[in-house]
Amino acid sequence: MASSDHVDASLIDQLLYGSEGIDLDFKRDQYPFQGASDLEKAELLKDILAFANAFRRNTAFILIGVEEVDCGRARVVGVSDHLKDADLQQFVSTKTNRNVVFSYHALEFEGKQIGVIRVQDQQRPIFLKNDFGFDHTRKQHKLKANVVYFRVGSSTKEASPEDIAHMGNHGAGRPTYNIDLQFANFSEKTVAGSVLKTSNEFLLYESKIPDYAAPRRSSPAYEIVARSTAFDNHAFWREAYNYIKHWKSLTEIGFCIENRGDTTIDDVTVEISLPIDAGFALVAKENMPEKPKPQYSTIGAARLPKLPVRASNIRVERRGNQQVITLLFGKVQAGQRRFLADPLYIGNPGEGHVIVDAVVRADQFPAPLRARLEFHGGGTVTTVNWNGLRRLIEEYFFGKMPDAPHNGAR
């Protein structure tokens, strides 16, 4: 983010292409101030405190009269009035434990008036000496005394004792960010390094797969009972082929991230992009096929209430000519090693080799960090006929060869 002691049109033009974060915010409307209540003024006071306490290396800016635009240059809408810097300075300085270094600038840009609040990097923590902005509806103050508010990403939160410890002196207010991202053995929760090598078997069956019918028993009485309590899954052969094909052709892998820095980081997100033409198949756990059943029972078929499902912390999507893996690690404390709770399944029927720089983001990072990963994939393609595929399915699902089903299979 830009850092300047002088606010001019060139700086504003640069800031308009930025994203809201620990050193930039866009406000469409002017803050209520002249003639406003303490509760209305609390938003302005909180924003100044949050930027003053933020972990950053650059000057922070609040652009007023500017509207954020997703994936594009922010839009200048302008304001009809300005705040007076002297009034703001007196308003803030009388309420905080130490002086806050900031300034308000009025500027004409693209034919419209905009306000700019510039908050310099400074000694922390800064907090209110008294509660401020009483909310009569909620019967409480909006801002609390002795609470340190600071900017995290594009939002504001209350600092923890650990956060405040890093603000204790100006040098400690510049934490060290250092992460280590590696592949992991998912089931054993062990680190596997930054190089992944997979070799899988790709099963290929190109003919029509028949419907499934369970073997018939010799006892008519048994048949009557069986037919009254269960019915055949006619798609079982096809579902079983899809199930085996996926699980044989893909390797289950995990991911691990270690915070080697000296401060806790929040909302840690990793993006890994692989070119589609590299040939890698990437499947999240939620998209892997479930194990099919040859029959479904009618006993206890009453619908049970669905339990809430935990949201997956891994996503796979296509963006243009890239496959993008998104890993959501959440909060990672200083010195902590965290394994991702969900696996990824990956395979390549050819000989693929890709080196990528994963992009690691966290609320506290002034800019994304990079972590290099290396993917090696290969495998063999096995073509099977119907008899070979049926034997394979029977071994997977029945453990031994059952009686031949009456389905006219080739």
Protein backbone atom coordinates (compact mmCIF):
# COMPACT_ATOMS: atom_id res chain seq x y z
CA MET A 1 0.00 0.00 0.00
CA ALA A 2 1.19 3.50 -0.73
CA SER A 3 2.87 5.50 2.00
CA SER A 4 3.05 9.29 1.74
CA ASP A 5 3.11 12.39 3.88
CA HIS A 6 1.48 14.32 1.03
CA VAL A 7 -2.06 13.63 -0.14
CA ASP A 8 -2.60 14.47 -3.80
CA ALA A 9 -4.49 13.25 -6.88
CA SER A 10 -1.71 10.85 -7.85
CA LEU A 11 -1.88 9.11 -4.48
CA ILE A 12 -5.70 8.93 -4.58
CA ASP A 13 -5.62 7.39 -8.06
CA GLN A 14 -3.25 4.71 -6.77
CA LEU A 15 -5.38 4.01 -3.69
CA LEU A 16 -8.56 3.59 -5.75
CA TYR A 17 -7.09 0.42 -7.25
CA GLY A 18 -6.37 -1.03 -3.81
CA SER A 19 -8.43 -3.41 -1.70
CA GLU A 20 -9.83 -2.73 1.74
CA GLY A 21 -7.57 -4.08 4.46
CA ILE A 22 -5.35 -3.07 7.34
CA ASP A 23 -4.24 0.11 5.62
CA LEU A 24 -7.17 1.15 3.42
CA ASP A 25 -10.93 1.67 3.78
CA PHE A 26 -13.58 3.22 1.55
CA LYS A 27 -16.54 5.14 2.94
CA ARG A 28 -19.35 6.19 0.60
CA ASP A 29 -20.82 8.69 3.06
CA GLN A 30 -19.27 11.31 5.31
CA TYR A 31 -19.03 10.48 9.00
CA PRO A 32 -21.64 12.18 11.22
CA PHE A 33 -19.81 14.76 13.33
CA GLN A 34 -20.97 18.36 13.57
CA GLY A 35 -24.10 18.33 15.73
CA ALA A 36 -24.07 14.51 15.91
CA SER A 37 -24.59 12.49 19.08
CA ASP A 38 -21.77 10.62 20.81
CA LEU A 39 -23.26 7.34 19.56
CA GLU A 40 -23.13 8.61 15.96
CA LYS A 41 -19.55 9.87 16.41
CA ALA A 42 -18.45 6.50 17.81
CA GLU A 43 -18.02 4.98 14.34
CA LEU A 44 -15.46 7.63 13.35
CA LEU A 45 -13.57 7.29 16.64
CA LYS A 46 -13.51 3.51 16.40
CA ASP A 47 -12.18 3.53 12.83
CA ILE A 48 -9.34 5.93 13.70
CA LEU A 49 -8.36 3.81 16.73
CA ALA A 50 -8.55 0.58 14.71
CA PHE A 51 -6.20 1.86 12.00
CA ALA A 52 -3.83 3.41 14.56
CA ASN A 53 -3.50 0.03 16.32
CA ALA A 54 -3.30 -2.12 13.16
CA PHE A 55 -0.26 -4.30 12.50
CA ARG A 56 1.06 -2.65 9.36
CA ARG A 57 4.18 -1.14 7.88
CA ASN A 58 2.59 1.66 5.88
CA THR A 59 0.44 4.73 6.37
CA ALA A 60 -3.28 3.91 6.43
CA PHE A 61 -5.95 5.83 4.53
CA ILE A 62 -9.72 6.18 4.87
CA LEU A 63 -11.19 7.60 1.65
CA ILE A 64 -14.57 9.29 2.25
CA GLY A 65 -16.92 9.79 -0.67
CA VAL A 66 -15.61 6.67 -2.37
CA GLU A 67 -17.55 3.47 -3.00
CA GLU A 68 -15.85 0.05 -3.14
CA VAL A 69 -16.27 -1.91 -6.38
CA ASP A 70 -15.77 -5.67 -6.50
CA CYS A 71 -12.76 -6.62 -8.61
CA GLY A 72 -12.23 -3.12 -9.96
CA ARG A 73 -11.29 0.49 -9.34
CA ALA A 74 -13.27 2.08 -6.50
CA ARG A 75 -15.87 4.64 -7.62
CA VAL A 76 -15.69 8.29 -6.56
CA VAL A 77 -19.14 9.58 -5.52
CA GLY A 78 -18.06 12.66 -3.56
CA VAL A 79 -19.24 14.32 -0.34
CA SER A 80 -21.18 17.55 0.23
CA ASP A 81 -19.30 18.63 3.36
CA HIS A 82 -15.94 18.16 5.09
CA LEU A 83 -14.75 17.59 8.62
CA LYS A 84 -12.34 20.11 10.16
CA ASP A 85 -8.98 18.64 11.05
CA ALA A 86 -8.57 20.81 14.16
CA ASP A 87 -11.97 19.73 15.51
CA LEU A 88 -11.13 16.08 14.88
CA GLN A 89 -7.76 16.36 16.61
CA GLN A 90 -9.33 17.86 19.73
CA PHE A 91 -12.16 15.31 19.69
CA VAL A 92 -9.83 12.28 19.59
CA SER A 93 -6.94 13.53 21.73
CA THR A 94 -9.13 14.21 24.76
CA LYS A 95 -10.35 10.63 24.88
CA THR A 96 -7.30 8.41 24.35
CA ASN A 97 -4.44 7.26 26.56
CA ARG A 98 -1.89 8.79 24.19
CA ASN A 99 -1.95 11.13 21.23
CA VAL A 100 -3.12 9.62 17.93
CA VAL A 101 -1.11 10.69 14.89
CA PHE A 102 -3.61 11.28 12.06
CA SER A 103 -4.90 14.07 9.82
CA TYR A 104 -7.94 14.96 7.72
CA HIS A 105 -7.51 16.27 4.16
CA ALA A 106 -10.15 17.79 1.85
CA LEU A 107 -9.41 17.17 -1.82
CA GLU A 108 -11.08 17.70 -5.19
CA PHE A 109 -10.73 14.63 -7.40
CA GLU A 110 -12.39 13.97 -10.75
CA GLY A 111 -14.59 17.00 -10.19
CA LYS A 112 -15.89 15.78 -6.83
CA GLN A 113 -14.99 16.52 -3.22
CA ILE A 114 -13.54 13.65 -1.21
CA GLY A 115 -12.21 13.44 2.33
CA VAL A 116 -9.04 11.58 3.27
CA ILE A 117 -8.10 10.53 6.80
CA ARG A 118 -4.42 9.61 6.95
CA VAL A 119 -3.31 7.53 9.97
CA GLN A 120 0.41 7.15 10.42
CA ASP A 121 2.30 4.16 11.77
CA GLN A 122 2.79 4.97 15.47
CA GLN A 123 3.33 3.76 19.02
CA ARG A 124 0.67 1.36 20.31
CA PRO A 125 -1.58 0.33 21.99
CA ILE A 126 -4.03 3.23 21.95
CA PHE A 127 -7.32 2.97 23.84
CA LEU A 128 -10.08 5.09 25.35
CA LYS A 129 -9.80 6.34 28.91
CA ASN A 130 -13.60 6.27 29.34
CA ASP A 131 -16.58 4.53 27.78
CA PHE A 132 -18.04 6.43 24.83
CA GLY A 133 -21.25 6.50 22.79
CA PHE A 134 -24.05 5.25 25.02
CA ASP A 135 -26.68 3.25 23.13
CA HIS A 136 -30.02 3.74 24.91
CA THR A 137 -31.60 0.87 23.00
CA ARG A 138 -28.97 -1.67 24.04
CA LYS A 139 -28.31 -0.02 27.39
CA GLN A 140 -24.55 -0.07 26.86
CA HIS A 141 -21.71 2.00 25.42
CA LYS A 142 -20.63 1.34 21.84
CA LEU A 143 -16.94 1.80 22.72
CA LYS A 144 -15.44 0.57 25.98
CA ALA A 145 -12.69 2.06 28.10
CA ASN A 146 -9.34 0.20 28.21
CA VAL A 147 -10.27 -1.97 25.19
CA VAL A 148 -7.84 -1.96 22.28
CA TYR A 149 -9.63 -1.93 18.92
CA PHE A 150 -7.54 -2.79 15.88
CA ARG A 151 -7.98 -3.43 12.19
CA VAL A 152 -7.85 -7.07 11.04
CA GLY A 153 -8.29 -7.48 7.30
CA SER A 154 -11.27 -5.32 6.38
CA SER A 155 -12.93 -5.49 9.80
CA THR A 156 -12.29 -4.33 13.38
CA LYS A 157 -11.88 -6.57 16.43
CA GLU A 158 -10.88 -6.30 20.07
CA ALA A 159 -7.25 -7.15 20.71
CA SER A 160 -6.33 -10.20 22.78
CA PRO A 161 -3.62 -10.04 25.50
CA GLU A 162 -1.22 -11.60 22.99
CA ASP A 163 -2.03 -8.93 20.40
CA ILE A 164 -1.52 -6.20 22.98
CA ALA A 165 1.81 -7.70 24.02
CA HIS A 166 3.06 -7.20 20.45
CA MET A 167 1.91 -3.60 20.56
CA GLY A 168 3.81 -2.96 23.80
CA ASN A 169 6.60 -1.14 22.04
CA HIS A 170 6.95 0.18 18.54
CA GLY A 171 9.45 -2.48 17.48
CA ALA A 172 7.27 -5.31 18.73
CA GLY A 173 4.40 -3.76 16.83
CA ARG A 174 6.02 -5.07 13.65
CA PRO A 175 5.54 -8.83 14.00
CA THR A 176 7.46 -11.37 11.98
CA TYR A 177 5.34 -13.38 9.53
CA ASN A 178 6.80 -16.70 8.44
CA ILE A 179 4.80 -19.73 7.35
CA ASP A 180 5.71 -23.21 6.13
CA LEU A 181 3.19 -25.02 3.91
CA GLN A 182 3.68 -28.72 3.19
CA PHE A 183 1.87 -31.82 2.01
CA ALA A 184 0.83 -34.28 4.71
CA ASN A 185 -0.16 -37.89 5.19
CA PHE A 186 -3.82 -37.24 5.90
CA SER A 187 -4.68 -40.32 7.97
CA GLU A 188 -1.49 -40.30 10.05
CA LYS A 189 -1.28 -36.52 10.40
CA THR A 190 2.43 -36.44 9.56
CA VAL A 191 4.30 -33.96 7.39
CA ALA A 192 5.29 -35.26 3.94
CA GLY A 193 7.36 -32.36 2.58
CA SER A 194 6.85 -29.88 -0.24
CA VAL A 195 7.16 -32.42 -3.08
CA LEU A 196 4.24 -34.72 -3.89
CA LYS A 197 4.68 -37.85 -6.02
CA THR A 198 1.69 -39.98 -6.97
CA SER A 199 1.30 -43.12 -9.08
CA ASN A 200 -2.16 -44.52 -9.67
CA GLU A 201 -4.06 -47.05 -11.76
CA PHE A 202 -6.71 -45.69 -14.09
CA LEU A 203 -9.44 -48.22 -14.80
CA LEU A 204 -11.07 -48.00 -18.23
CA TYR A 205 -14.22 -49.82 -19.29
CA GLU A 206 -15.80 -48.56 -22.49
CA SER A 207 -18.84 -50.82 -23.03
CA LYS A 208 -22.36 -50.58 -21.64
CA ILE A 209 -22.70 -51.77 -18.05
CA PRO A 210 -25.85 -53.85 -17.41
CA ASP A 211 -28.38 -53.50 -14.62
CA TYR A 212 -27.74 -55.35 -11.40
CA ALA A 213 -29.99 -58.06 -9.96
CA ALA A 214 -29.23 -59.89 -6.72
CA PRO A 215 -28.62 -63.68 -6.85
CA ARG A 216 -31.77 -65.78 -6.42
CA ARG A 217 -31.95 -68.26 -3.56
CA SER A 218 -33.33 -71.78 -3.82
CA SER A 219 -35.85 -71.34 -0.99
CA PRO A 220 -39.14 -69.72 -2.12
CA ALA A 221 -39.88 -68.74 1.50
CA TYR A 222 -36.54 -66.92 1.69
CA GLU A 223 -37.30 -65.13 -1.57
CA ILE A 224 -40.66 -63.91 -0.25
CA VAL A 225 -39.08 -62.51 2.95
CA ALA A 226 -36.12 -61.02 1.11
CA ARG A 227 -38.28 -59.31 -1.49
CA SER A 228 -40.50 -57.82 1.22
CA THR A 229 -37.61 -56.24 3.11
CA ALA A 230 -35.17 -55.22 0.35
CA PHE A 231 -35.05 -54.19 -3.28
CA ASP A 232 -32.24 -54.37 -5.81
CA ASN A 233 -30.15 -51.34 -6.71
CA HIS A 234 -30.23 -51.80 -10.50
CA ALA A 235 -27.50 -49.18 -10.94
CA PHE A 236 -25.12 -50.98 -8.57
CA TRP A 237 -22.67 -52.24 -11.25
CA ARG A 238 -22.36 -48.75 -12.71
CA GLU A 239 -22.06 -47.06 -9.32
CA ALA A 240 -19.50 -49.62 -8.20
CA TYR A 241 -17.39 -49.04 -11.32
CA ASN A 242 -17.47 -45.28 -10.72
CA TYR A 243 -16.55 -45.81 -7.06
CA ILE A 244 -13.58 -48.10 -7.78
CA LYS A 245 -12.41 -45.95 -10.70
CA HIS A 246 -12.20 -42.89 -8.46
CA TRP A 247 -10.57 -44.55 -5.48
CA LYS A 248 -7.95 -46.42 -7.56
CA SER A 249 -7.01 -43.45 -9.73
CA LEU A 250 -6.67 -40.82 -6.98
CA THR A 251 -4.31 -40.47 -4.02
CA GLU A 252 -5.54 -39.04 -0.74
CA ILE A 253 -3.32 -36.22 0.51
CA GLY A 254 -3.47 -33.71 3.33
CA PHE A 255 -1.96 -30.29 3.92
CA CYS A 256 -0.15 -28.83 6.88
CA ILE A 257 0.77 -25.25 7.68
CA GLU A 258 3.16 -24.13 10.40
CA ASN A 259 3.21 -20.60 11.79
CA ARG A 260 6.91 -19.88 12.34
CA GLY A 261 6.27 -16.21 13.03
CA ASP A 262 5.90 -14.54 16.39
CA THR A 263 2.18 -13.68 16.33
CA THR A 264 -1.17 -15.43 15.87
CA ILE A 265 -2.66 -15.15 12.38
CA ASP A 266 -6.38 -15.34 11.63
CA ASP A 267 -8.44 -16.60 8.68
CA VAL A 268 -5.45 -18.25 7.01
CA THR A 269 -6.37 -19.09 3.42
CA VAL A 270 -4.18 -20.80 0.81
CA GLU A 271 -4.77 -20.80 -2.95
CA ILE A 272 -2.95 -23.28 -5.20
CA SER A 273 -3.38 -22.98 -8.99
CA LEU A 274 -2.54 -25.82 -11.38
CA PRO A 275 -2.85 -25.43 -15.16
CA ILE A 276 -5.55 -27.68 -16.56
CA ASP A 277 -3.31 -28.88 -19.37
CA ALA A 278 -0.97 -30.44 -16.77
CA GLY A 279 -3.50 -33.28 -16.60
CA PHE A 280 -4.08 -33.48 -12.85
CA ALA A 281 -7.48 -34.60 -11.59
CA LEU A 282 -8.33 -32.78 -8.35
CA VAL A 283 -11.33 -33.87 -6.29
CA ALA A 284 -12.47 -32.60 -2.88
CA LYS A 285 -13.71 -35.19 -0.40
CA GLU A 286 -17.32 -34.04 -0.68
CA ASN A 287 -17.25 -34.85 -4.41
CA MET A 288 -15.83 -38.36 -4.05
CA PRO A 289 -18.48 -41.06 -4.70
CA GLU A 290 -20.03 -42.82 -1.73
CA LYS A 291 -19.80 -46.60 -1.51
CA PRO A 292 -22.88 -48.00 -3.27
CA LYS A 293 -25.04 -50.84 -1.99
CA PRO A 294 -26.31 -53.74 -4.11
CA GLN A 295 -29.61 -53.67 -2.24
CA TYR A 296 -31.57 -51.20 -0.16
CA SER A 297 -33.57 -52.31 2.84
CA THR A 298 -37.15 -51.23 3.42
CA ILE A 299 -36.83 -51.84 7.15
CA GLY A 300 -36.52 -48.60 9.09
CA ALA A 301 -36.94 -46.65 5.87
CA ALA A 302 -38.62 -43.76 7.67
CA ARG A 303 -36.77 -40.56 7.02
CA LEU A 304 -34.54 -39.41 9.85
CA PRO A 305 -33.86 -35.72 10.44
CA LYS A 306 -30.71 -34.61 8.70
CA LEU A 307 -27.89 -33.62 11.02
CA PRO A 308 -25.99 -30.42 10.24
CA VAL A 309 -22.93 -31.03 8.08
CA ARG A 310 -19.65 -29.25 8.80
CA ALA A 311 -18.63 -27.02 5.94
CA SER A 312 -15.64 -28.37 4.06
CA ASN A 313 -12.38 -26.46 4.44
CA ILE A 314 -11.15 -27.38 0.98
CA ARG A 315 -12.60 -26.28 -2.37
CA VAL A 316 -11.69 -27.07 -5.96
CA GLU A 317 -12.91 -24.88 -8.81
CA ARG A 318 -12.03 -23.98 -12.36
CA ARG A 319 -10.96 -20.44 -13.24
CA GLY A 320 -10.17 -20.00 -16.90
CA ASN A 321 -7.36 -22.41 -17.77
CA GLN A 322 -6.50 -23.08 -14.11
CA GLN A 323 -7.73 -25.48 -11.46
CA VAL A 324 -7.69 -23.63 -8.15
CA ILE A 325 -7.48 -25.38 -4.77
CA THR A 326 -8.57 -23.24 -1.80
CA LEU A 327 -7.52 -24.39 1.68
CA LEU A 328 -9.13 -22.81 4.74
CA PHE A 329 -6.93 -23.22 7.83
CA GLY A 330 -8.56 -20.60 10.04
CA LYS A 331 -6.66 -19.35 13.07
CA VAL A 332 -3.04 -20.52 13.55
CA GLN A 333 -1.21 -19.50 16.70
CA ALA A 334 2.46 -18.57 16.79
CA GLY A 335 4.56 -21.74 16.72
CA GLN A 336 1.53 -23.93 15.95
CA ARG A 337 1.43 -26.63 13.26
CA ARG A 338 -2.10 -27.15 11.94
CA PHE A 339 -3.27 -29.98 9.68
CA LEU A 340 -6.18 -29.35 7.33
CA ALA A 341 -9.29 -31.19 8.52
CA ASP A 342 -10.22 -32.49 5.03
CA PRO A 343 -8.21 -34.33 2.37
CA LEU A 344 -7.74 -33.68 -1.33
CA TYR A 345 -7.70 -36.48 -3.91
CA ILE A 346 -5.29 -36.12 -6.79
CA GLY A 347 -4.11 -38.19 -9.74
CA ASN A 348 -2.68 -37.94 -13.24
CA PRO A 349 -3.01 -40.67 -15.92
CA GLY A 350 -0.04 -39.23 -17.78
CA GLU A 351 3.29 -37.91 -16.57
CA GLY A 352 2.58 -34.53 -15.02
CA HIS A 353 5.06 -32.24 -13.28
CA VAL A 354 4.13 -28.79 -11.98
CA ILE A 355 5.89 -26.37 -9.62
CA VAL A 356 3.58 -23.74 -8.17
CA ASP A 357 3.83 -20.85 -5.74
CA ALA A 358 0.89 -21.19 -3.38
CA VAL A 359 -0.57 -17.86 -2.22
CA VAL A 360 -1.05 -17.63 1.55
CA ARG A 361 -3.28 -14.92 2.99
CA ALA A 362 -4.17 -14.00 6.57
CA ASP A 363 -5.92 -11.05 8.15
CA GLN A 364 -2.68 -9.73 9.62
CA PHE A 365 -0.51 -10.04 6.48
CA PRO A 366 0.16 -6.67 4.82
CA ALA A 367 0.63 -8.66 1.57
CA PRO A 368 0.21 -12.34 0.64
CA LEU A 369 3.08 -14.74 1.34
CA ARG A 370 4.27 -17.43 -1.09
CA ALA A 371 5.01 -21.10 -0.52
CA ARG A 372 6.48 -23.33 -3.24
CA LEU A 373 4.98 -26.78 -3.83
CA GLU A 374 5.90 -29.41 -6.40
CA PHE A 375 3.48 -31.90 -7.95
CA HIS A 376 4.63 -35.09 -9.73
CA GLY A 377 1.93 -37.39 -11.07
CA GLY A 378 1.82 -40.49 -13.19
CA GLY A 379 -0.05 -43.71 -13.59
CA THR A 380 -1.05 -46.63 -15.72
CA VAL A 381 -4.26 -47.12 -17.66
CA THR A 382 -5.84 -50.57 -17.34
CA THR A 383 -8.55 -51.55 -19.83
CA VAL A 384 -10.93 -54.26 -18.63
CA ASN A 385 -13.72 -56.29 -20.21
CA TRP A 386 -17.00 -57.01 -18.47
CA ASN A 387 -15.87 -60.26 -16.83
CA GLY A 388 -12.76 -58.64 -15.43
CA LEU A 389 -14.69 -55.60 -14.17
CA ARG A 390 -17.38 -57.78 -12.55
CA ARG A 391 -14.76 -59.89 -10.77
CA LEU A 392 -13.07 -56.73 -9.50
CA ILE A 393 -16.35 -55.30 -8.20
CA GLU A 394 -17.26 -58.59 -6.51
CA GLU A 395 -13.88 -58.73 -4.79
CA TYR A 396 -14.25 -55.14 -3.60
CA PHE A 397 -17.81 -55.42 -2.35
CA PHE A 398 -18.44 -59.07 -1.52
CA GLY A 399 -14.98 -60.42 -0.68
CA LYS A 400 -15.69 -63.60 -2.62
CA MET A 401 -17.43 -64.63 -5.80
CA PRO A 402 -21.22 -64.75 -5.28
CA ASP A 403 -23.63 -66.67 -7.49
CA ALA A 404 -23.83 -65.18 -10.96
CA PRO A 405 -26.64 -62.62 -11.12
CA HIS A 406 -29.49 -63.13 -13.55
CA ASN A 407 -28.92 -59.98 -15.53
CA GLY A 408 -27.87 -61.16 -18.97
CA ALA A 409 -24.43 -59.61 -18.54
CA ARG A 410 -21.95 -60.11 -21.32
